[in-house]
């Protein structure tokens, strides 16, 4: 096939969007009220970089554009990729043309990271991430769920899709304010201030009595509860579990270990409030992607085996956090999505996938500098990397890696270390996936299917742990 004519990138991408009837696609999905007509006068950069305010969730233009690209004929996609000097199918064997085009466009539009511009990048990422999400996940459940469901329906594997959420303000590690977003199945609101115990729908949606505490990714520098809203919403809808997503403080304004201390305080808040969510304090699962996965590994380690000497390095604040840790129950399990686990060593995946993908060498270096350069702790410190600490008693762990990710091999190294300590570990690699793939879950079909599979896999993993626990208690009771 001949190459496309040498026309400007903006013109090319605008022609792609104009060639596809986004409005018609929206009608098929009953989303016409969420679609606005594309402004032909704007360039593609204008549409992506100057997307509307975060508060306006009615306009998800980027979601429809990126999703619609997947409906173009494969020969056309391949021609566009070639024109953009994007990756070939031989280079990435498990990546389809749709995702290779997304990677190619990302490479063309991506700008070098700078610590001095982190606040601006944070705002842009927040806008872009929300713009990529399906508008359906921003529609709250408004009508009460009927409670006359039959036992057969309640016991079925299909979970109710209605999800509600509300933001709560809690105290962070330094007595400031911190936002958490609480998701729950059904239309009722949860009254945390009066410690109301939810009993109406819990037996229908969450017989496991599990609650998930989620820490978003973003290099410890960007991201918030909005950027990972779609994933948390999906976990709640698919499992019936309540989810608490944490808006911890970010670097460089708040270097390490501020985020870790905030997340520990959020864990303590969930322990105190889990009954309001219809969950049990011994059924807390923790989860996170990328940097959030790293925070999860540290919390799993420090809640199970607090390191007094490490916290002493932070003086009185560290002692306060250590005392808090000693009183917390261990999590039931943790779900790690392409986590940060080793801040010191390089692995083969660094050489293989350090350029041309969604997370590059230079990105990691900038994020590390922002997080660690002005930290009160040395780089090689227990509270900066789980590989430096005691992982003998870490909770059962479900590790998900992305094939095309600089962090892939360090996640496997962490899983190997846990296994050597006798910790129950399950690993799952998503072939053909780049770092950060859960943010593409609703614009790329394969990645969306993989994300659903991961949620189902982890929920089964956690339920098997509960079943084993109940079986052990039953055996002990019978022996008395």
Protein backbone atom coordinates (compact mmCIF):
# COMPACT_ATOMS: atom_id res chain seq x y z
CA UNK A 1 0.00 0.00 0.00
CA UNK A 2 1.34 3.44 -0.88
CA UNK A 3 2.13 5.94 1.83
CA UNK A 4 -0.32 8.69 2.71
CA UNK A 5 0.48 12.14 1.35
CA UNK A 6 2.69 14.34 3.51
CA UNK A 7 0.07 16.50 5.18
CA UNK A 8 0.30 18.12 8.63
CA UNK A 9 -0.43 15.89 11.62
CA UNK A 10 -3.30 18.07 12.84
CA UNK A 11 -4.97 17.95 9.44
CA UNK A 12 -4.56 14.20 9.21
CA UNK A 13 -6.07 13.49 12.60
CA UNK A 14 -8.90 15.93 12.06
CA UNK A 15 -9.71 14.12 8.80
CA UNK A 16 -9.86 10.84 10.74
CA UNK A 17 -12.42 12.31 13.13
CA UNK A 18 -14.45 13.92 10.38
CA UNK A 19 -14.51 10.65 8.43
CA UNK A 20 -16.12 8.89 11.36
CA UNK A 21 -19.69 9.65 12.39
CA UNK A 22 -19.21 10.03 16.14
CA UNK A 23 -22.77 11.15 16.68
CA UNK A 24 -24.18 8.05 15.02
CA UNK A 25 -21.92 5.88 17.17
CA UNK A 26 -23.19 7.67 20.24
CA UNK A 27 -26.81 6.98 19.31
CA UNK A 28 -26.10 3.29 19.20
CA UNK A 29 -24.86 3.51 22.77
CA UNK A 30 -27.63 5.81 23.99
CA UNK A 31 -25.11 8.52 24.68
CA UNK A 32 -26.39 11.28 22.38
CA UNK A 33 -26.96 13.61 25.32
CA UNK A 34 -23.25 13.34 26.14
CA UNK A 35 -21.84 14.18 22.71
CA UNK A 36 -20.98 17.60 21.46
CA UNK A 37 -20.17 18.33 17.83
CA UNK A 38 -16.47 18.65 17.10
CA UNK A 39 -15.33 22.17 16.41
CA UNK A 40 -13.82 21.96 12.94
CA UNK A 41 -11.84 25.12 13.53
CA UNK A 42 -9.84 23.49 16.32
CA UNK A 43 -6.72 21.45 15.77
CA UNK A 44 -6.31 18.04 17.37
CA UNK A 45 -3.96 19.57 19.94
CA UNK A 46 -6.62 22.13 20.82
CA UNK A 47 -9.16 19.38 21.31
CA UNK A 48 -6.91 17.32 23.54
CA UNK A 49 -4.85 19.91 25.39
CA UNK A 50 -7.60 22.50 25.78
CA UNK A 51 -10.42 20.14 26.63
CA UNK A 52 -13.19 21.67 28.75
CA UNK A 53 -13.19 22.00 32.54
CA UNK A 54 -13.10 18.87 34.67
CA UNK A 55 -16.44 19.73 36.21
CA UNK A 56 -18.16 19.37 32.84
CA UNK A 57 -18.45 15.60 32.51
CA UNK A 58 -21.01 15.83 29.70
CA UNK A 59 -18.28 16.24 27.09
CA UNK A 60 -16.11 13.19 26.60
CA UNK A 61 -14.85 14.02 23.14
CA UNK A 62 -11.52 12.26 23.62
CA UNK A 63 -13.32 9.07 24.65
CA UNK A 64 -15.35 8.98 21.44
CA UNK A 65 -12.42 9.93 19.19
CA UNK A 66 -10.08 7.29 20.60
CA UNK A 67 -12.76 4.60 20.67
CA UNK A 68 -13.88 5.39 17.13
CA UNK A 69 -10.38 4.92 15.75
CA UNK A 70 -10.75 1.24 16.54
CA UNK A 71 -13.60 0.99 14.00
CA UNK A 72 -11.45 2.16 11.09
CA UNK A 73 -10.31 -0.51 8.60
CA UNK A 74 -7.02 -2.14 9.61
CA UNK A 75 -5.24 -1.17 6.34
CA UNK A 76 -6.10 2.48 6.99
CA UNK A 77 -4.92 2.23 10.60
CA UNK A 78 -1.63 0.70 9.45
CA UNK A 79 -1.14 3.47 6.89
CA UNK A 80 -1.73 6.11 9.56
CA UNK A 81 0.72 4.38 11.90
CA UNK A 82 3.34 4.27 9.15
CA UNK A 83 2.82 7.95 8.39
CA UNK A 84 3.31 8.79 12.08
CA UNK A 85 6.43 6.58 12.31
CA UNK A 86 4.62 4.44 14.84
CA UNK A 87 5.40 0.90 16.01
CA UNK A 88 4.94 -2.01 13.62
CA UNK A 89 3.17 -5.30 14.23
CA UNK A 90 6.56 -7.04 14.09
CA UNK A 91 7.90 -4.76 16.80
CA UNK A 92 4.95 -5.42 19.14
CA UNK A 93 3.54 -8.82 18.22
CA UNK A 94 0.56 -8.73 20.58
CA UNK A 95 -0.57 -5.16 19.89
CA UNK A 96 -3.40 -4.52 17.43
CA UNK A 97 -3.43 -1.62 14.97
CA UNK A 98 -5.83 0.44 17.09
CA UNK A 99 -3.51 0.48 20.09
CA UNK A 100 -0.42 1.02 17.92
CA UNK A 101 -2.10 4.13 16.49
CA UNK A 102 -2.84 5.40 20.00
CA UNK A 103 0.82 4.88 20.90
CA UNK A 104 1.94 6.63 17.70
CA UNK A 105 -0.25 9.67 18.31
CA UNK A 106 0.88 9.80 21.95
CA UNK A 107 4.53 9.86 20.84
CA UNK A 108 3.84 12.76 18.47
CA UNK A 109 1.97 14.84 21.03
CA UNK A 110 4.04 14.00 24.09
CA UNK A 111 6.20 16.73 25.61
CA UNK A 112 9.28 16.21 27.82
CA UNK A 113 8.47 16.29 31.54
CA UNK A 114 9.88 19.01 33.74
CA UNK A 115 9.55 19.28 37.51
CA UNK A 116 8.98 23.02 37.21
CA UNK A 117 5.88 22.31 35.09
CA UNK A 118 4.47 19.49 37.23
CA UNK A 119 1.46 21.50 38.40
CA UNK A 120 0.51 22.23 34.78
CA UNK A 121 1.00 18.60 33.80
CA UNK A 122 -1.16 17.54 36.75
CA UNK A 123 -4.06 19.65 35.50
CA UNK A 124 -3.67 18.44 31.92
CA UNK A 125 -3.54 14.78 32.93
CA UNK A 126 -6.64 15.22 35.06
CA UNK A 127 -8.55 16.71 32.13
CA UNK A 128 -7.31 14.14 29.60
CA UNK A 129 -7.97 11.15 31.86
CA UNK A 130 -11.56 12.20 32.51
CA UNK A 131 -12.08 13.03 28.83
CA UNK A 132 -11.10 9.45 27.93
CA UNK A 133 -13.58 7.89 30.36
CA UNK A 134 -17.02 6.73 29.35
CA UNK A 135 -19.72 9.27 30.31
CA UNK A 136 -21.75 6.36 31.63
CA UNK A 137 -19.51 6.03 34.69
CA UNK A 138 -20.29 9.62 35.66
CA UNK A 139 -24.02 8.96 35.95
CA UNK A 140 -24.98 8.36 39.53
CA UNK A 141 -27.64 5.87 40.48
CA UNK A 142 -30.68 7.96 41.32
CA UNK A 143 -33.49 5.50 41.86
CA UNK A 144 -33.59 3.20 44.89
CA UNK A 145 -32.91 -0.46 44.27
CA UNK A 146 -35.90 -2.66 44.85
CA UNK A 147 -35.34 -4.94 47.80
CA UNK A 148 -37.71 -7.74 46.81
CA UNK A 149 -35.11 -9.57 44.76
CA UNK A 150 -35.41 -13.31 44.86
CA UNK A 151 -32.72 -15.35 46.62
CA UNK A 152 -31.88 -16.95 43.28
CA UNK A 153 -31.21 -13.57 41.69
CA UNK A 154 -29.20 -12.42 44.68
CA UNK A 155 -27.03 -15.51 44.48
CA UNK A 156 -26.36 -15.15 40.78
CA UNK A 157 -22.92 -14.18 39.54
CA UNK A 158 -24.24 -11.14 37.72
CA UNK A 159 -23.79 -8.06 39.87
CA UNK A 160 -26.03 -4.98 39.85
CA UNK A 161 -24.53 -2.26 37.70
CA UNK A 162 -25.90 0.71 39.65
CA UNK A 163 -23.12 2.56 41.47
CA UNK A 164 -23.24 5.63 43.64
CA UNK A 165 -20.39 7.59 45.14
CA UNK A 166 -19.69 10.50 47.41
CA UNK A 167 -16.60 12.43 48.42
CA UNK A 168 -15.64 12.63 52.07
CA UNK A 169 -13.06 14.87 53.70
CA UNK A 170 -10.82 13.16 56.22
CA UNK A 171 -7.68 14.13 58.12
CA UNK A 172 -4.35 13.45 56.44
CA UNK A 173 -1.09 12.54 58.14
CA UNK A 174 -0.29 16.14 59.06
CA UNK A 175 -3.77 17.04 60.32
CA UNK A 176 -4.72 18.70 57.06
CA UNK A 177 -7.66 17.83 54.80
CA UNK A 178 -7.67 14.89 52.42
CA UNK A 179 -10.40 13.76 50.04
CA UNK A 180 -11.52 10.17 49.66
CA UNK A 181 -14.19 9.02 47.22
CA UNK A 182 -16.47 6.25 48.45
CA UNK A 183 -18.24 4.03 45.91
CA UNK A 184 -21.03 1.61 46.74
CA UNK A 185 -23.52 -0.46 44.82
CA UNK A 186 -27.07 0.89 44.78
CA UNK A 187 -28.57 4.35 45.07
CA UNK A 188 -28.42 4.99 48.81
CA UNK A 189 -26.01 7.47 50.36
CA UNK A 190 -23.78 6.40 53.24
CA UNK A 191 -23.90 8.48 56.42
CA UNK A 192 -20.34 8.37 57.78
CA UNK A 193 -20.84 11.23 60.21
CA UNK A 194 -23.47 9.30 62.16
CA UNK A 195 -21.68 5.96 61.66
CA UNK A 196 -24.80 4.48 60.06
CA UNK A 197 -24.40 0.78 59.36
CA UNK A 198 -25.60 -0.17 55.87
CA UNK A 199 -27.77 -3.26 56.00
CA UNK A 200 -30.41 -2.64 53.32
CA UNK A 201 -28.45 -3.73 50.27
CA UNK A 202 -25.24 -5.19 51.70
CA UNK A 203 -26.46 -8.77 51.65
CA UNK A 204 -27.44 -8.31 48.01
CA UNK A 205 -24.32 -6.62 46.72
CA UNK A 206 -21.51 -7.43 49.14
CA UNK A 207 -22.00 -10.75 50.90
CA UNK A 208 -18.18 -10.97 51.03
CA UNK A 209 -18.12 -7.98 53.45
CA UNK A 210 -15.05 -6.77 51.53
CA UNK A 211 -14.04 -3.14 51.06
CA UNK A 212 -11.27 -2.07 48.67
CA UNK A 213 -8.95 0.82 49.45
CA UNK A 214 -7.52 2.13 46.17
CA UNK A 215 -4.42 4.28 45.56
CA UNK A 216 -4.17 5.93 42.13
CA UNK A 217 -1.06 5.98 39.98
CA UNK A 218 0.77 8.92 38.43
CA UNK A 219 4.41 8.76 39.50
CA UNK A 220 3.53 10.12 42.96
CA UNK A 221 3.19 13.49 41.19
CA UNK A 222 -0.04 13.48 39.14
CA UNK A 223 -3.44 11.79 39.26
CA UNK A 224 -6.38 12.01 41.65
CA UNK A 225 -9.70 10.35 42.38
CA UNK A 226 -11.13 11.70 39.11
CA UNK A 227 -8.40 10.26 36.88
CA UNK A 228 -9.10 6.74 38.19
CA UNK A 229 -12.84 7.14 38.67
CA UNK A 230 -13.70 4.80 35.79
CA UNK A 231 -11.66 1.91 37.17
CA UNK A 232 -13.00 2.26 40.72
CA UNK A 233 -16.55 2.56 39.40
CA UNK A 234 -16.01 -0.61 37.35
CA UNK A 235 -14.66 -2.60 40.30
CA UNK A 236 -17.67 -1.60 42.40
CA UNK A 237 -20.14 -2.43 39.61
CA UNK A 238 -18.51 -5.77 38.83
CA UNK A 239 -17.89 -7.05 42.38
CA UNK A 240 -20.49 -5.27 44.50
CA UNK A 241 -17.70 -4.22 46.88
CA UNK A 242 -17.54 -0.68 48.25
CA UNK A 243 -14.41 1.13 47.06
CA UNK A 244 -12.58 3.97 48.80
CA UNK A 245 -10.23 5.92 46.51
CA UNK A 246 -7.60 8.13 48.16
CA UNK A 247 -6.58 11.64 47.05
CA UNK A 248 -3.18 11.59 48.79
CA UNK A 249 -0.72 14.49 48.65
CA UNK A 250 1.59 14.68 45.63
CA UNK A 251 5.24 15.50 44.95
CA UNK A 252 7.19 17.68 44.45
CA UNK A 253 5.19 19.86 46.85
CA UNK A 254 4.97 16.92 49.25
CA UNK A 255 7.94 14.56 48.76
CA UNK A 256 8.20 11.02 50.09
CA UNK A 257 6.96 9.70 52.46
CA UNK A 258 3.99 12.13 52.60
CA UNK A 259 1.89 9.99 50.23
CA UNK A 260 2.60 6.82 52.21
CA UNK A 261 1.67 8.46 55.51
CA UNK A 262 -1.55 9.83 54.00
CA UNK A 263 -2.50 6.39 52.67
CA UNK A 264 -1.86 4.81 56.06
CA UNK A 265 -4.22 7.35 57.61
CA UNK A 266 -6.78 6.51 54.91
CA UNK A 267 -6.37 2.82 55.81
CA UNK A 268 -7.03 3.68 59.45
CA UNK A 269 -10.14 5.66 58.43
CA UNK A 270 -11.47 2.67 56.49
CA UNK A 271 -10.89 0.41 59.51
CA UNK A 272 -12.99 2.77 61.63
CA UNK A 273 -15.70 3.30 59.01
CA UNK A 274 -15.91 -0.02 57.18
CA UNK A 275 -19.13 -0.99 59.01
CA UNK A 276 -20.80 2.05 57.46
CA UNK A 277 -19.89 0.51 54.11
CA UNK A 278 -21.23 -2.91 55.07
CA UNK A 279 -17.73 -4.39 55.31
CA UNK A 280 -15.61 -6.02 57.97
CA UNK A 281 -12.27 -4.60 59.25
CA UNK A 282 -10.61 -7.97 58.56
CA UNK A 283 -11.87 -7.94 54.96
CA UNK A 284 -10.00 -4.87 53.68
CA UNK A 285 -8.24 -5.35 50.36
CA UNK A 286 -5.79 -2.74 49.12
CA UNK A 287 -5.04 -1.97 45.49
CA UNK A 288 -3.23 0.49 43.28
CA UNK A 289 -1.75 1.03 39.85
CA UNK A 290 1.83 2.12 39.16
CA UNK A 291 2.85 4.48 41.97
CA UNK A 292 -0.37 3.55 43.75
CA UNK A 293 0.69 -0.08 43.51
CA UNK A 294 3.98 0.88 45.15
CA UNK A 295 2.07 2.54 47.98
CA UNK A 296 0.01 -0.62 48.38
CA UNK A 297 3.15 -2.78 48.72
CA UNK A 298 4.52 -0.49 51.42
CA UNK A 299 1.25 -0.45 53.35
CA UNK A 300 0.95 -4.24 53.12
CA UNK A 301 4.45 -4.50 54.52
CA UNK A 302 4.21 -1.86 57.23
CA UNK A 303 0.77 -2.85 58.50
CA UNK A 304 1.84 -6.48 58.86
CA UNK A 305 5.35 -5.76 60.22
CA UNK A 306 5.90 -2.10 61.17
CA UNK A 307 9.57 -1.13 61.01
CA UNK A 308 10.17 0.98 64.11
CA UNK A 309 13.69 2.03 63.13
CA UNK A 310 12.48 3.30 59.75
CA UNK A 311 9.73 5.43 61.23
CA UNK A 312 12.12 6.77 63.87
CA UNK A 313 13.99 8.50 61.03
CA UNK A 314 11.00 10.86 60.77
CA UNK A 315 11.09 11.93 64.40
CA UNK A 316 7.85 12.57 66.28
CA UNK A 317 5.71 12.32 63.12
CA UNK A 318 7.21 8.94 62.37
CA UNK A 319 6.55 7.71 65.89
CA UNK A 320 2.92 8.76 65.58
CA UNK A 321 2.55 6.81 62.34
CA UNK A 322 4.32 3.79 63.83
CA UNK A 323 1.94 3.77 66.82
CA UNK A 324 -1.00 3.96 64.42
CA UNK A 325 0.33 1.04 62.36
CA UNK A 326 0.60 -1.23 65.40
CA UNK A 327 -3.14 -0.92 66.00
CA UNK A 328 -4.27 -1.74 62.43
CA UNK A 329 -5.45 -5.15 61.22
CA UNK A 330 -3.61 -6.65 58.25
CA UNK A 331 -5.30 -6.46 54.86
CA UNK A 332 -6.97 -9.55 53.45
CA UNK A 333 -5.14 -9.23 50.10
CA UNK A 334 -3.65 -6.71 47.70
CA UNK A 335 -4.09 -6.12 43.96
CA UNK A 336 -1.07 -4.57 42.25
CA UNK A 337 -1.39 -3.20 38.71
CA UNK A 338 2.03 -2.67 37.06
CA UNK A 339 3.42 -1.46 40.41
CA UNK A 340 6.54 0.50 41.31
CA UNK A 341 8.49 -1.85 43.58
CA UNK A 342 12.21 -1.05 43.24
CA UNK A 343 13.60 2.48 43.10
CA UNK A 344 17.23 1.37 42.84
CA UNK A 345 17.79 -1.51 40.40
CA UNK A 346 17.38 -1.71 36.65
CA UNK A 347 15.83 -4.73 34.97
CA UNK A 348 15.74 -6.02 31.37
CA UNK A 349 12.34 -4.44 30.74
CA UNK A 350 13.94 -1.03 31.26
CA UNK A 351 16.11 -1.56 28.19
CA UNK A 352 13.32 -3.18 26.16
CA UNK A 353 10.49 -0.72 26.74
CA UNK A 354 12.10 2.53 27.88
CA UNK A 355 11.22 4.56 24.79
CA UNK A 356 8.22 5.13 22.54
CA UNK A 357 5.55 3.97 24.99
CA UNK A 358 3.29 5.65 27.53
CA UNK A 359 5.96 5.58 30.28
CA UNK A 360 9.58 6.21 29.30
CA UNK A 361 12.95 6.30 31.07
CA UNK A 362 12.94 10.08 31.21
CA UNK A 363 9.46 10.14 32.75
CA UNK A 364 10.50 7.81 35.56
CA UNK A 365 13.64 9.86 36.23
CA UNK A 366 11.63 13.08 36.56
CA UNK A 367 9.00 11.49 38.80
CA UNK A 368 11.72 9.96 40.99
CA UNK A 369 13.52 13.28 41.34
CA UNK A 370 10.29 15.08 42.24
CA UNK A 371 9.42 12.48 44.85
CA UNK A 372 12.81 11.65 46.37
CA UNK A 373 15.29 14.51 45.90
CA UNK A 374 13.86 16.60 48.74
CA UNK A 375 12.67 13.72 50.89
CA UNK A 376 13.83 13.65 54.53
CA UNK A 377 14.74 10.01 53.88
CA UNK A 378 17.65 8.61 51.85
CA UNK A 379 16.77 7.02 48.53
CA UNK A 380 17.61 3.50 49.72
CA UNK A 381 15.16 3.54 52.60
CA UNK A 382 12.58 0.99 53.72
CA UNK A 383 9.77 3.52 53.31
CA UNK A 384 10.72 4.26 49.69
CA UNK A 385 10.77 0.71 48.33
CA UNK A 386 9.21 -2.55 49.56
CA UNK A 387 12.25 -4.49 48.35
CA UNK A 388 14.32 -2.97 51.18
CA UNK A 389 11.98 -4.11 53.97
CA UNK A 390 10.63 -7.23 55.64
CA UNK A 391 8.05 -8.94 53.43
CA UNK A 392 7.78 -12.16 55.44
CA UNK A 393 4.21 -11.54 56.54
CA UNK A 394 2.74 -9.58 53.65
CA UNK A 395 -0.86 -10.42 52.77
CA UNK A 396 -1.71 -12.64 49.76
CA UNK A 397 -0.89 -10.70 46.60
CA UNK A 398 -2.26 -10.60 43.05
CA UNK A 399 0.31 -8.99 40.73
CA UNK A 400 -0.70 -7.75 37.28
CA UNK A 401 2.00 -6.67 34.84
CA UNK A 402 1.87 -5.10 31.38
CA UNK A 403 4.06 -6.71 28.73
CA UNK A 404 5.22 -3.39 27.22
CA UNK A 405 6.24 -1.69 30.46
CA UNK A 406 9.56 -0.54 31.89
CA UNK A 407 8.28 -1.63 35.33
CA UNK A 408 7.31 -5.15 34.24
CA UNK A 409 10.33 -7.02 35.55
CA UNK A 410 10.55 -5.28 38.91
CA UNK A 411 6.96 -6.34 39.57
CA UNK A 412 7.97 -9.94 38.84
CA UNK A 413 11.01 -9.52 41.12
CA UNK A 414 8.72 -8.38 43.95
CA UNK A 415 6.39 -11.33 43.36
CA UNK A 416 9.39 -13.69 43.41
CA UNK A 417 10.58 -12.24 46.71
CA UNK A 418 7.14 -12.69 48.29
CA UNK A 419 6.97 -16.27 47.03
CA UNK A 420 10.36 -17.00 48.59
CA UNK A 421 8.92 -15.90 51.94
CA UNK A 422 5.99 -18.26 51.60
CA UNK A 423 3.45 -15.55 50.76
CA UNK A 424 0.59 -16.63 48.50
CA UNK A 425 1.16 -14.88 45.16
CA UNK A 426 -0.57 -14.99 41.79
CA UNK A 427 0.84 -13.20 38.75
CA UNK A 428 -0.91 -12.23 35.56
CA UNK A 429 0.69 -10.57 32.53
CA UNK A 430 -1.38 -8.68 29.98
CA UNK A 431 0.21 -9.29 26.60
CA UNK A 432 0.35 -6.33 24.26
CA UNK A 433 -0.50 -3.84 27.01
CA UNK A 434 1.50 -0.70 27.85
CA UNK A 435 1.96 0.84 31.27
CA UNK A 436 -1.19 2.64 32.40
CA UNK A 437 -3.56 0.49 30.36
CA UNK A 438 -6.48 0.73 32.80
CA UNK A 439 -6.86 4.36 31.71
CA UNK A 440 -7.65 3.02 28.22
CA UNK A 441 -10.22 0.47 29.38
CA UNK A 442 -13.25 2.08 27.74
CA UNK A 443 -11.58 3.23 24.49
CA UNK A 444 -9.84 -0.03 23.54
CA UNK A 445 -11.89 -3.22 23.52
CA UNK A 446 -9.12 -5.71 24.28
CA UNK A 447 -7.79 -3.68 27.17
CA UNK A 448 -11.33 -3.23 28.47
CA UNK A 449 -11.88 -6.99 28.36
CA UNK A 450 -8.54 -7.59 30.06
CA UNK A 451 -9.42 -5.15 32.83
CA UNK A 452 -12.72 -6.92 33.46
CA UNK A 453 -10.85 -10.23 33.54
CA UNK A 454 -8.40 -8.82 36.11
CA UNK A 455 -11.23 -7.58 38.34
CA UNK A 456 -12.93 -10.97 38.14
CA UNK A 457 -9.66 -12.78 38.78
CA UNK A 458 -8.83 -10.76 41.87
CA UNK A 459 -12.36 -11.00 43.27
CA UNK A 460 -12.17 -14.79 42.97
CA UNK A 461 -8.70 -14.70 44.56
CA UNK A 462 -10.07 -12.78 47.56
CA UNK A 463 -13.15 -14.97 47.88
CA UNK A 464 -11.05 -18.11 47.92
CA UNK A 465 -9.08 -16.63 50.82
CA UNK A 466 -12.32 -16.04 52.72
CA UNK A 467 -13.53 -19.55 51.95
CA UNK A 468 -10.25 -21.00 53.18
CA UNK A 469 -10.46 -18.87 56.32
CA UNK A 470 -14.00 -20.06 57.03
CA UNK A 471 -12.99 -23.64 56.38
CA UNK A 472 -10.13 -23.31 58.87
CA UNK A 473 -12.42 -21.84 61.53
CA UNK A 474 -14.93 -24.61 60.97
CA UNK A 475 -12.24 -27.28 61.35
CA UNK A 476 -11.00 -25.67 64.54
CA UNK A 477 -14.52 -25.54 65.97
CA UNK A 478 -15.12 -29.20 65.16
CA UNK A 479 -11.91 -30.22 66.90
CA UNK A 480 -12.96 -28.60 70.18
